[in-house]
Amino acid sequence: MSYADKVFIDMCRDIIENGCSTEGEKVRPKWEDGSFAYTIKRFGVVNRYDLRKEFPVITLRKTAIKSATDEVLWIWQKKSNRVSELSSHIWDAWADEDGTIGKAYGYQLGVKHEYKEGMMDQVDRVIYDLKNNPFSRRIMTNIYVHQDLHEMRLYPCAYSMTFNVTQEKGEDRLTLNAILNQRSQDVLTANNWNVAQYAVLVHMLAQVCDMNVGELVHVIADAHIYDRHIELVKELIERPVYDAPKFWLNPEIKDFYKFTKDDVRLDDYKYGEQITIPVAV
C-alpha cells in the first residue's frame, strides 16, 4: 500500500474507535435536509509525509490531482476569491451573490504588506525568503485574519503554512520542509485532497527555489468524521490498496506563476472505485 493509505486507514480507525461524539451539542453544519451534521472527532492529529520517498496520495479511492492542484493554484497563485476562476464547483455552495467567497483564502494571500524590502504579498514574501534568506525561521503564511472573518463566507480550514529549510548531510542542495496547520477537517471528504495539493505546492516551491523536497507535516486540530460518513469510511478502509504512483512535475517551469494544473501528473496510479459523499454545509 502507499504510505498515505496507511496513514489514512490508521487515522480513520483511531477516530472511529477512540473519538468523541458531538451529537446533541451546538454545531454549525447542516445536511441538505436541514438536520444538524454531527461528528466523531479526535483532537490534535499530526501526520508526517516524507516527500522524498513517495507522493502522499491514497489508492483506496481516486484523488483528482489536477483538480486539487487547480484549487491550490487558485488560492496561492491567482490569489482569487472568485469561484468562476476555479475549474471545479467545490466552492459554489459558499459563493455570495457576487460569485466570491468574500475576504477568504486567496484574497488574504494577495493582500500586500510593507516590509523593509518593499511591498509584497504573503506568497511573494515566502518565495523571496526561500531564495534570499532560506534559514529564516519566519517563513510562513497566515490567512486566519480576525478583522476580516465577518466578511468571509467560510472561515479558513487550512489556514497556515510554515516553511523550514534544512541542509541535509552529504547534499549540495537545500531541502524544503513545510507544516500545514488546519483548524478543522472533514476527513473523508478532504483529508487526502489537502495532503496531495499541499504536497504539490511544496514540490513547486522547491523546484522554483532550486531545492529538494523534504517533509510535509500536517497538523489537524479537529479531525472529524461526519455521522453520515461513518459507514462509508468503514467500507473504504477495508478496500484493497496499491503502491503509490509516481509524481511528475514539469521540470521546465522555474517561475511559480507559470505553473498550471497540466504541469502535474500521477503515473501508474491505481485506485478503488469512487463513492458518493454527502457534504455538510
C-alpha atoms as a PDB file:
ATOM      1  CA  MET A   1       0.000   0.000   0.000  1.00  0.00           C
ATOM      2  CA  SER A   2       1.024   3.610  -0.326  1.00  0.00           C
ATOM      3  CA  TYR A   3       2.202   5.265   2.886  1.00  0.00           C
ATOM      4  CA  ALA A   4      -0.703   7.716   2.539  1.00  0.00           C
ATOM      5  CA  ASP A   5      -3.111   4.758   2.621  1.00  0.00           C
ATOM      6  CA  LYS A   6      -1.582   3.547   5.888  1.00  0.00           C
ATOM      7  CA  VAL A   7      -1.812   6.993   7.483  1.00  0.00           C
ATOM      8  CA  PHE A   8      -5.410   7.448   6.345  1.00  0.00           C
ATOM      9  CA  ILE A   9      -6.561   3.999   7.484  1.00  0.00           C
ATOM     10  CA  ASP A  10      -4.873   4.294  10.893  1.00  0.00           C
ATOM     11  CA  MET A  11      -6.292   7.785  11.422  1.00  0.00           C
ATOM     12  CA  CYS A  12      -9.845   6.754  10.496  1.00  0.00           C
ATOM     13  CA  ARG A  13      -9.745   3.698  12.749  1.00  0.00           C
ATOM     14  CA  ASP A  14      -8.469   5.813  15.620  1.00  0.00           C
ATOM     15  CA  ILE A  15     -11.253   8.378  15.153  1.00  0.00           C
ATOM     16  CA  ILE A  16     -13.969   5.703  14.939  1.00  0.00           C
ATOM     17  CA  GLU A  17     -12.667   3.671  17.889  1.00  0.00           C
ATOM     18  CA  ASN A  18     -11.453   6.447  20.185  1.00  0.00           C
ATOM     19  CA  GLY A  19     -13.110   9.643  19.017  1.00  0.00           C
ATOM     20  CA  CYS A  20     -15.531  11.891  20.892  1.00  0.00           C
ATOM     21  CA  SER A  21     -19.059  12.462  19.575  1.00  0.00           C
ATOM     22  CA  THR A  22     -20.596  15.913  19.128  1.00  0.00           C
ATOM     23  CA  GLU A  23     -24.136  14.514  18.958  1.00  0.00           C
ATOM     24  CA  GLY A  24     -26.536  16.752  20.856  1.00  0.00           C
ATOM     25  CA  GLU A  25     -24.040  19.601  21.072  1.00  0.00           C
ATOM     26  CA  LYS A  26     -24.420  23.006  19.396  1.00  0.00           C
ATOM     27  CA  VAL A  27     -22.950  22.616  15.897  1.00  0.00           C
ATOM     28  CA  ARG A  28     -22.977  24.830  12.791  1.00  0.00           C
ATOM     29  CA  PRO A  29     -23.040  22.474   9.744  1.00  0.00           C
ATOM     30  CA  LYS A  30     -26.266  21.002   8.418  1.00  0.00           C
ATOM     31  CA  TRP A  31     -27.167  18.373   5.848  1.00  0.00           C
ATOM     32  CA  GLU A  32     -29.245  19.198   2.781  1.00  0.00           C
ATOM     33  CA  ASP A  33     -32.420  18.108   4.590  1.00  0.00           C
ATOM     34  CA  GLY A  34     -31.759  20.704   7.309  1.00  0.00           C
ATOM     35  CA  SER A  35     -30.755  18.288  10.069  1.00  0.00           C
ATOM     36  CA  PHE A  36     -27.610  19.008  12.066  1.00  0.00           C
ATOM     37  CA  ALA A  37     -24.414  17.271  10.961  1.00  0.00           C
ATOM     38  CA  TYR A  38     -22.731  15.729  13.989  1.00  0.00           C
ATOM     39  CA  THR A  39     -19.255  14.187  14.048  1.00  0.00           C
ATOM     40  CA  ILE A  40     -16.894  11.921  15.884  1.00  0.00           C
ATOM     41  CA  LYS A  41     -13.587  13.685  16.329  1.00  0.00           C
ATOM     42  CA  ARG A  42     -10.012  13.437  17.506  1.00  0.00           C
ATOM     43  CA  PHE A  43      -8.043  16.426  18.743  1.00  0.00           C
ATOM     44  CA  GLY A  44      -4.517  17.202  17.611  1.00  0.00           C
ATOM     45  CA  VAL A  45      -3.845  14.712  14.815  1.00  0.00           C
ATOM     46  CA  VAL A  46      -0.330  15.027  13.370  1.00  0.00           C
ATOM     47  CA  ASN A  47       0.659  13.162  10.195  1.00  0.00           C
ATOM     48  CA  ARG A  48       4.106  13.260   8.593  1.00  0.00           C
ATOM     49  CA  TYR A  49       4.856  12.573   4.929  1.00  0.00           C
ATOM     50  CA  ASP A  50       8.381  12.248   3.531  1.00  0.00           C
ATOM     51  CA  LEU A  51       8.009  13.633   0.016  1.00  0.00           C
ATOM     52  CA  ARG A  52      11.457  12.276  -0.903  1.00  0.00           C
ATOM     53  CA  LYS A  53      10.188   8.713  -0.564  1.00  0.00           C
ATOM     54  CA  GLU A  54       6.810   8.860  -2.313  1.00  0.00           C
ATOM     55  CA  PHE A  55       3.966  11.155  -3.201  1.00  0.00           C
ATOM     56  CA  PRO A  56       1.265  11.098  -0.462  1.00  0.00           C
ATOM     57  CA  VAL A  57      -1.856  10.069  -2.339  1.00  0.00           C
ATOM     58  CA  ILE A  58      -4.273   7.349  -1.262  1.00  0.00           C
ATOM     59  CA  THR A  59      -5.214   4.463  -3.555  1.00  0.00           C
ATOM     60  CA  LEU A  60      -8.377   3.492  -1.653  1.00  0.00           C
ATOM     61  CA  ARG A  61     -10.206   5.860  -3.982  1.00  0.00           C
ATOM     62  CA  LYS A  62      -9.069   8.401  -6.529  1.00  0.00           C
ATOM     63  CA  THR A  63      -7.724  11.793  -5.526  1.00  0.00           C
ATOM     64  CA  ALA A  64      -8.136  14.038  -8.573  1.00  0.00           C
ATOM     65  CA  ILE A  65      -4.661  15.546  -8.633  1.00  0.00           C
ATOM     66  CA  LYS A  66      -5.302  18.088 -11.394  1.00  0.00           C
ATOM     67  CA  SER A  67      -8.425  19.443  -9.676  1.00  0.00           C
ATOM     68  CA  ALA A  68      -6.616  19.536  -6.322  1.00  0.00           C
ATOM     69  CA  THR A  69      -3.731  21.389  -7.961  1.00  0.00           C
ATOM     70  CA  ASP A  70      -6.126  23.779  -9.666  1.00  0.00           C
ATOM     71  CA  GLU A  71      -7.619  24.730  -6.301  1.00  0.00           C
ATOM     72  CA  VAL A  72      -4.282  25.283  -4.564  1.00  0.00           C
ATOM     73  CA  LEU A  73      -3.128  27.433  -7.505  1.00  0.00           C
ATOM     74  CA  TRP A  74      -6.428  29.354  -7.333  1.00  0.00           C
ATOM     75  CA  ILE A  75      -5.535  30.218  -3.742  1.00  0.00           C
ATOM     76  CA  TRP A  76      -1.749  30.565  -3.873  1.00  0.00           C
ATOM     77  CA  GLN A  77      -1.055  31.679  -7.427  1.00  0.00           C
ATOM     78  CA  LYS A  78      -4.173  33.510  -8.608  1.00  0.00           C
ATOM     79  CA  LYS A  79      -4.902  34.640  -5.032  1.00  0.00           C
ATOM     80  CA  SER A  80      -8.533  34.641  -6.050  1.00  0.00           C
ATOM     81  CA  ASN A  81     -11.798  34.521  -4.160  1.00  0.00           C
ATOM     82  CA  ARG A  82     -13.953  34.313  -7.306  1.00  0.00           C
ATOM     83  CA  VAL A  83     -15.410  30.831  -7.834  1.00  0.00           C
ATOM     84  CA  SER A  84     -15.705  31.320 -11.620  1.00  0.00           C
ATOM     85  CA  GLU A  85     -11.885  31.315 -11.789  1.00  0.00           C
ATOM     86  CA  LEU A  86     -11.829  27.757 -10.435  1.00  0.00           C
ATOM     87  CA  SER A  87     -12.321  24.831 -12.836  1.00  0.00           C
ATOM     88  CA  SER A  88     -14.347  22.729 -10.376  1.00  0.00           C
ATOM     89  CA  HIS A  89     -17.530  23.626  -8.494  1.00  0.00           C
ATOM     90  CA  ILE A  90     -16.363  22.705  -4.984  1.00  0.00           C
ATOM     91  CA  TRP A  91     -16.800  26.266  -3.697  1.00  0.00           C
ATOM     92  CA  ASP A  92     -20.159  27.032  -5.332  1.00  0.00           C
ATOM     93  CA  ALA A  93     -22.166  26.335  -2.160  1.00  0.00           C
ATOM     94  CA  TRP A  94     -20.276  29.079  -0.300  1.00  0.00           C
ATOM     95  CA  ALA A  95     -20.349  31.773  -3.008  1.00  0.00           C
ATOM     96  CA  ASP A  96     -22.141  35.065  -2.363  1.00  0.00           C
ATOM     97  CA  GLU A  97     -24.357  36.945  -4.802  1.00  0.00           C
ATOM     98  CA  ASP A  98     -21.235  38.411  -6.451  1.00  0.00           C
ATOM     99  CA  GLY A  99     -19.748  34.959  -7.026  1.00  0.00           C
ATOM    100  CA  THR A 100     -16.998  35.278  -4.426  1.00  0.00           C
ATOM    101  CA  ILE A 101     -16.208  33.687  -1.070  1.00  0.00           C
ATOM    102  CA  GLY A 102     -15.536  37.100   0.452  1.00  0.00           C
ATOM    103  CA  LYS A 103     -12.226  38.008   2.055  1.00  0.00           C
ATOM    104  CA  ALA A 104     -11.201  34.370   2.434  1.00  0.00           C
ATOM    105  CA  TYR A 105      -8.346  32.150   1.269  1.00  0.00           C
ATOM    106  CA  GLY A 106      -6.768  33.604  -1.892  1.00  0.00           C
ATOM    107  CA  TYR A 107      -7.927  37.116  -1.070  1.00  0.00           C
ATOM    108  CA  GLN A 108      -5.779  37.129   2.075  1.00  0.00           C
ATOM    109  CA  LEU A 109      -2.694  35.803   0.285  1.00  0.00           C
ATOM    110  CA  GLY A 110      -2.992  38.617  -2.248  1.00  0.00           C
ATOM    111  CA  VAL A 111      -3.024  41.457   0.307  1.00  0.00           C
ATOM    112  CA  LYS A 112       0.254  43.351   0.127  1.00  0.00           C
ATOM    113  CA  HIS A 113       2.159  44.206   3.296  1.00  0.00           C
ATOM    114  CA  GLU A 114       5.039  46.569   3.887  1.00  0.00           C
ATOM    115  CA  TYR A 115       8.452  45.042   4.582  1.00  0.00           C
ATOM    116  CA  LYS A 116      11.838  46.743   4.646  1.00  0.00           C
ATOM    117  CA  GLU A 117      12.438  45.147   1.229  1.00  0.00           C
ATOM    118  CA  GLY A 118       9.250  46.727  -0.134  1.00  0.00           C
ATOM    119  CA  MET A 119       5.588  45.872  -0.598  1.00  0.00           C
ATOM    120  CA  MET A 120       4.886  42.150  -1.007  1.00  0.00           C
ATOM    121  CA  ASP A 121       2.014  39.761  -0.509  1.00  0.00           C
ATOM    122  CA  GLN A 122       2.475  36.627   1.607  1.00  0.00           C
ATOM    123  CA  VAL A 123       3.266  34.273  -1.284  1.00  0.00           C
ATOM    124  CA  ASP A 124       5.858  36.578  -2.806  1.00  0.00           C
ATOM    125  CA  ARG A 125       7.395  37.026   0.640  1.00  0.00           C
ATOM    126  CA  VAL A 126       7.725  33.251   1.065  1.00  0.00           C
ATOM    127  CA  ILE A 127       9.429  32.898  -2.321  1.00  0.00           C
ATOM    128  CA  TYR A 128      11.693  35.892  -1.645  1.00  0.00           C
ATOM    129  CA  ASP A 129      12.833  34.485   1.703  1.00  0.00           C
ATOM    130  CA  LEU A 130      13.349  30.952   0.386  1.00  0.00           C
ATOM    131  CA  LYS A 131      15.658  32.378  -2.269  1.00  0.00           C
ATOM    132  CA  ASN A 132      17.383  35.067  -0.212  1.00  0.00           C
ATOM    133  CA  ASN A 133      17.149  34.036   3.442  1.00  0.00           C
ATOM    134  CA  PRO A 134      16.369  30.307   3.431  1.00  0.00           C
ATOM    135  CA  PHE A 135      17.386  29.599   7.018  1.00  0.00           C
ATOM    136  CA  SER A 136      14.973  32.162   8.426  1.00  0.00           C
ATOM    137  CA  ARG A 137      12.568  30.730  10.989  1.00  0.00           C
ATOM    138  CA  ARG A 138       9.943  33.274   9.952  1.00  0.00           C
ATOM    139  CA  ILE A 139       8.899  31.906   6.552  1.00  0.00           C
ATOM    140  CA  MET A 140       5.180  31.387   6.949  1.00  0.00           C
ATOM    141  CA  THR A 141       1.719  32.426   5.824  1.00  0.00           C
ATOM    142  CA  ASN A 142      -1.468  33.022   7.811  1.00  0.00           C
ATOM    143  CA  ILE A 143      -4.895  33.622   6.301  1.00  0.00           C
ATOM    144  CA  TYR A 144      -6.924  33.470   9.526  1.00  0.00           C
ATOM    145  CA  VAL A 145      -7.251  37.254   9.790  1.00  0.00           C
ATOM    146  CA  HIS A 146      -9.655  38.105  12.615  1.00  0.00           C
ATOM    147  CA  GLN A 147     -10.545  41.573  11.391  1.00  0.00           C
ATOM    148  CA  ASP A 148     -11.874  40.083   8.138  1.00  0.00           C
ATOM    149  CA  LEU A 149     -13.617  36.956   9.447  1.00  0.00           C
ATOM    150  CA  HIS A 150     -17.045  38.608   9.290  1.00  0.00           C
ATOM    151  CA  GLU A 151     -16.518  39.136   5.543  1.00  0.00           C
ATOM    152  CA  MET A 152     -15.560  35.505   4.814  1.00  0.00           C
ATOM    153  CA  ARG A 153     -18.142  33.037   3.526  1.00  0.00           C
ATOM    154  CA  LEU A 154     -16.245  30.276   5.346  1.00  0.00           C
ATOM    155  CA  TYR A 155     -13.546  30.669   7.967  1.00  0.00           C
ATOM    156  CA  PRO A 156     -10.302  29.175   6.603  1.00  0.00           C
ATOM    157  CA  CYS A 157      -9.845  25.498   7.494  1.00  0.00           C
ATOM    158  CA  ALA A 158      -6.260  25.112   6.258  1.00  0.00           C
ATOM    159  CA  TYR A 159      -5.053  28.474   7.490  1.00  0.00           C
ATOM    160  CA  SER A 160      -1.275  28.482   7.820  1.00  0.00           C
ATOM    161  CA  MET A 161       1.876  27.147   6.179  1.00  0.00           C
ATOM    162  CA  THR A 162       5.262  27.254   7.876  1.00  0.00           C
ATOM    163  CA  PHE A 163       8.325  26.561   5.734  1.00  0.00           C
ATOM    164  CA  ASN A 164      11.635  25.364   7.141  1.00  0.00           C
ATOM    165  CA  VAL A 165      14.807  24.748   5.157  1.00  0.00           C
ATOM    166  CA  THR A 166      17.500  22.259   6.159  1.00  0.00           C
ATOM    167  CA  GLN A 167      20.968  21.417   4.881  1.00  0.00           C
ATOM    168  CA  GLU A 168      20.997  17.631   4.862  1.00  0.00           C
ATOM    169  CA  LYS A 169      24.310  15.821   5.334  1.00  0.00           C
ATOM    170  CA  GLY A 170      26.022  14.916   2.083  1.00  0.00           C
ATOM    171  CA  GLU A 171      23.678  17.000  -0.100  1.00  0.00           C
ATOM    172  CA  ASP A 172      24.620  20.137  -2.008  1.00  0.00           C
ATOM    173  CA  ARG A 173      21.088  21.433  -2.433  1.00  0.00           C
ATOM    174  CA  LEU A 174      18.970  22.649   0.443  1.00  0.00           C
ATOM    175  CA  THR A 175      15.816  20.772   1.458  1.00  0.00           C
ATOM    176  CA  LEU A 176      12.393  22.412   1.782  1.00  0.00           C
ATOM    177  CA  ASN A 177      10.090  21.178   4.547  1.00  0.00           C
ATOM    178  CA  ALA A 178       6.668  22.508   5.496  1.00  0.00           C
ATOM    179  CA  ILE A 179       3.951  22.330   8.138  1.00  0.00           C
ATOM    180  CA  LEU A 180       0.313  22.672   7.120  1.00  0.00           C
ATOM    181  CA  ASN A 181      -1.872  23.830  10.017  1.00  0.00           C
ATOM    182  CA  GLN A 182      -5.574  23.078   9.820  1.00  0.00           C
ATOM    183  CA  ARG A 183      -8.150  24.074  12.456  1.00  0.00           C
ATOM    184  CA  SER A 184     -10.762  21.577  11.241  1.00  0.00           C
ATOM    185  CA  GLN A 185     -11.048  18.802   8.677  1.00  0.00           C
ATOM    186  CA  ASP A 186     -13.803  16.624   7.225  1.00  0.00           C
ATOM    187  CA  VAL A 187     -11.547  13.566   6.972  1.00  0.00           C
ATOM    188  CA  LEU A 188     -13.468  11.567   4.378  1.00  0.00           C
ATOM    189  CA  THR A 189     -14.130  14.455   2.026  1.00  0.00           C
ATOM    190  CA  ALA A 190     -10.963  16.493   2.297  1.00  0.00           C
ATOM    191  CA  ASN A 191      -8.065  14.784   4.053  1.00  0.00           C
ATOM    192  CA  ASN A 192      -6.127  13.370   1.138  1.00  0.00           C
ATOM    193  CA  TRP A 193      -7.244  16.213  -1.114  1.00  0.00           C
ATOM    194  CA  ASN A 194      -5.492  18.704   1.185  1.00  0.00           C
ATOM    195  CA  VAL A 195      -2.449  16.497   1.721  1.00  0.00           C
ATOM    196  CA  ALA A 196      -1.957  15.956  -2.019  1.00  0.00           C
ATOM    197  CA  GLN A 197      -2.445  19.584  -3.013  1.00  0.00           C
ATOM    198  CA  TYR A 198      -0.063  20.955  -0.394  1.00  0.00           C
ATOM    199  CA  ALA A 199       2.474  18.270  -1.308  1.00  0.00           C
ATOM    200  CA  VAL A 200       2.218  19.615  -4.869  1.00  0.00           C
ATOM    201  CA  LEU A 201       2.745  23.143  -3.532  1.00  0.00           C
ATOM    202  CA  VAL A 202       5.911  22.100  -1.678  1.00  0.00           C
ATOM    203  CA  HIS A 203       7.212  20.387  -4.831  1.00  0.00           C
ATOM    204  CA  MET A 204       6.522  23.531  -6.862  1.00  0.00           C
ATOM    205  CA  LEU A 205       8.190  25.908  -4.413  1.00  0.00           C
ATOM    206  CA  ALA A 206      11.180  23.589  -4.025  1.00  0.00           C
ATOM    207  CA  GLN A 207      11.628  23.457  -7.799  1.00  0.00           C
ATOM    208  CA  VAL A 208      11.457  27.210  -8.380  1.00  0.00           C
ATOM    209  CA  CYS A 209      13.827  27.816  -5.448  1.00  0.00           C
ATOM    210  CA  ASP A 210      16.289  25.095  -6.600  1.00  0.00           C
ATOM    211  CA  MET A 211      15.773  22.905  -3.519  1.00  0.00           C
ATOM    212  CA  ASN A 212      14.978  19.279  -2.789  1.00  0.00           C
ATOM    213  CA  VAL A 213      11.626  18.384  -1.266  1.00  0.00           C
ATOM    214  CA  GLY A 214      11.632  17.145   2.308  1.00  0.00           C
ATOM    215  CA  GLU A 215       8.817  16.527   4.778  1.00  0.00           C
ATOM    216  CA  LEU A 216       5.242  17.748   4.825  1.00  0.00           C
ATOM    217  CA  VAL A 217       3.799  17.717   8.346  1.00  0.00           C
ATOM    218  CA  HIS A 218       0.008  18.000   8.582  1.00  0.00           C
ATOM    219  CA  VAL A 219      -1.398  19.240  11.896  1.00  0.00           C
ATOM    220  CA  ILE A 220      -5.180  18.972  12.334  1.00  0.00           C
ATOM    221  CA  ALA A 221      -6.731  20.457  15.463  1.00  0.00           C
ATOM    222  CA  ASP A 222     -10.173  18.861  14.928  1.00  0.00           C
ATOM    223  CA  ALA A 223     -10.046  15.756  12.684  1.00  0.00           C
ATOM    224  CA  HIS A 224     -13.596  14.504  12.316  1.00  0.00           C
ATOM    225  CA  ILE A 225     -15.820  12.040  10.510  1.00  0.00           C
ATOM    226  CA  TYR A 226     -19.431  13.114   9.993  1.00  0.00           C
ATOM    227  CA  ASP A 227     -22.202  10.852  11.274  1.00  0.00           C
ATOM    228  CA  ARG A 228     -23.436  10.081   7.764  1.00  0.00           C
ATOM    229  CA  HIS A 229     -19.886   9.250   6.647  1.00  0.00           C
ATOM    230  CA  ILE A 230     -19.060   6.609   9.248  1.00  0.00           C
ATOM    231  CA  GLU A 231     -20.328   3.600   7.308  1.00  0.00           C
ATOM    232  CA  LEU A 232     -18.721   4.928   4.120  1.00  0.00           C
ATOM    233  CA  VAL A 233     -15.390   5.215   5.920  1.00  0.00           C
ATOM    234  CA  LYS A 234     -15.678   1.726   7.387  1.00  0.00           C
ATOM    235  CA  GLU A 235     -16.206   0.307   3.895  1.00  0.00           C
ATOM    236  CA  LEU A 236     -13.458   2.430   2.367  1.00  0.00           C
ATOM    237  CA  ILE A 237     -10.674   1.445   4.762  1.00  0.00           C
ATOM    238  CA  GLU A 238     -11.314  -2.276   4.163  1.00  0.00           C
ATOM    239  CA  ARG A 239     -10.680  -1.963   0.424  1.00  0.00           C
ATOM    240  CA  PRO A 240      -7.644  -3.342  -1.416  1.00  0.00           C
ATOM    241  CA  VAL A 241      -4.734  -0.910  -1.623  1.00  0.00           C
ATOM    242  CA  TYR A 242      -1.990  -0.372  -4.189  1.00  0.00           C
ATOM    243  CA  ASP A 243       1.517   1.037  -4.387  1.00  0.00           C
ATOM    244  CA  ALA A 244       1.902   4.799  -4.528  1.00  0.00           C
ATOM    245  CA  PRO A 245       2.046   6.284  -8.033  1.00  0.00           C
ATOM    246  CA  LYS A 246       4.998   8.256  -9.369  1.00  0.00           C
ATOM    247  CA  PHE A 247       4.620  12.042  -9.214  1.00  0.00           C
ATOM    248  CA  TRP A 248       5.668  14.133 -12.205  1.00  0.00           C
ATOM    249  CA  LEU A 249       6.112  17.892 -12.135  1.00  0.00           C
ATOM    250  CA  ASN A 250       7.059  19.716 -15.312  1.00  0.00           C
ATOM    251  CA  PRO A 251      10.809  20.350 -14.848  1.00  0.00           C
ATOM    252  CA  GLU A 252      10.797  23.213 -17.338  1.00  0.00           C
ATOM    253  CA  ILE A 253       8.862  25.558 -15.034  1.00  0.00           C
ATOM    254  CA  LYS A 254      11.122  27.799 -12.939  1.00  0.00           C
ATOM    255  CA  ASP A 255       8.616  30.566 -12.155  1.00  0.00           C
ATOM    256  CA  PHE A 256       5.890  29.704  -9.636  1.00  0.00           C
ATOM    257  CA  TYR A 257       3.407  31.893 -11.508  1.00  0.00           C
ATOM    258  CA  LYS A 258       3.818  29.855 -14.705  1.00  0.00           C
ATOM    259  CA  PHE A 259       2.586  26.547 -13.250  1.00  0.00           C
ATOM    260  CA  THR A 260      -0.791  25.189 -14.367  1.00  0.00           C
ATOM    261  CA  LYS A 261      -2.728  22.085 -13.344  1.00  0.00           C
ATOM    262  CA  ASP A 262      -1.406  20.410 -16.504  1.00  0.00           C
ATOM    263  CA  ASP A 263       2.153  20.603 -15.150  1.00  0.00           C
ATOM    264  CA  VAL A 264       1.418  17.794 -12.667  1.00  0.00           C
ATOM    265  CA  ARG A 265       0.731  14.120 -13.265  1.00  0.00           C
ATOM    266  CA  LEU A 266       0.476  10.847 -11.367  1.00  0.00           C
ATOM    267  CA  ASP A 267       1.908   7.916 -13.329  1.00  0.00           C
ATOM    268  CA  ASP A 268       0.884   4.306 -12.684  1.00  0.00           C
ATOM    269  CA  TYR A 269      -1.899   5.432 -10.361  1.00  0.00           C
ATOM    270  CA  LYS A 270      -4.176   2.533  -9.392  1.00  0.00           C
ATOM    271  CA  TYR A 271      -7.162   3.194  -7.134  1.00  0.00           C
ATOM    272  CA  GLY A 272     -10.531   1.900  -5.989  1.00  0.00           C
ATOM    273  CA  GLU A 273     -13.914   2.979  -7.310  1.00  0.00           C
ATOM    274  CA  GLN A 274     -15.367   6.346  -6.397  1.00  0.00           C
ATOM    275  CA  ILE A 275     -18.066   6.771  -3.767  1.00  0.00           C
ATOM    276  CA  THR A 276     -20.806   9.378  -3.445  1.00  0.00           C
ATOM    277  CA  ILE A 277     -20.182  11.523  -0.375  1.00  0.00           C
ATOM    278  CA  PRO A 278     -22.867  13.798   1.103  1.00  0.00           C
ATOM    279  CA  VAL A 279     -21.378  17.163   2.098  1.00  0.00           C
ATOM    280  CA  ALA A 280     -22.422  19.130   5.164  1.00  0.00           C
ATOM    281  CA  VAL A 281     -22.565  22.898   4.707  1.00  0.00           C
END
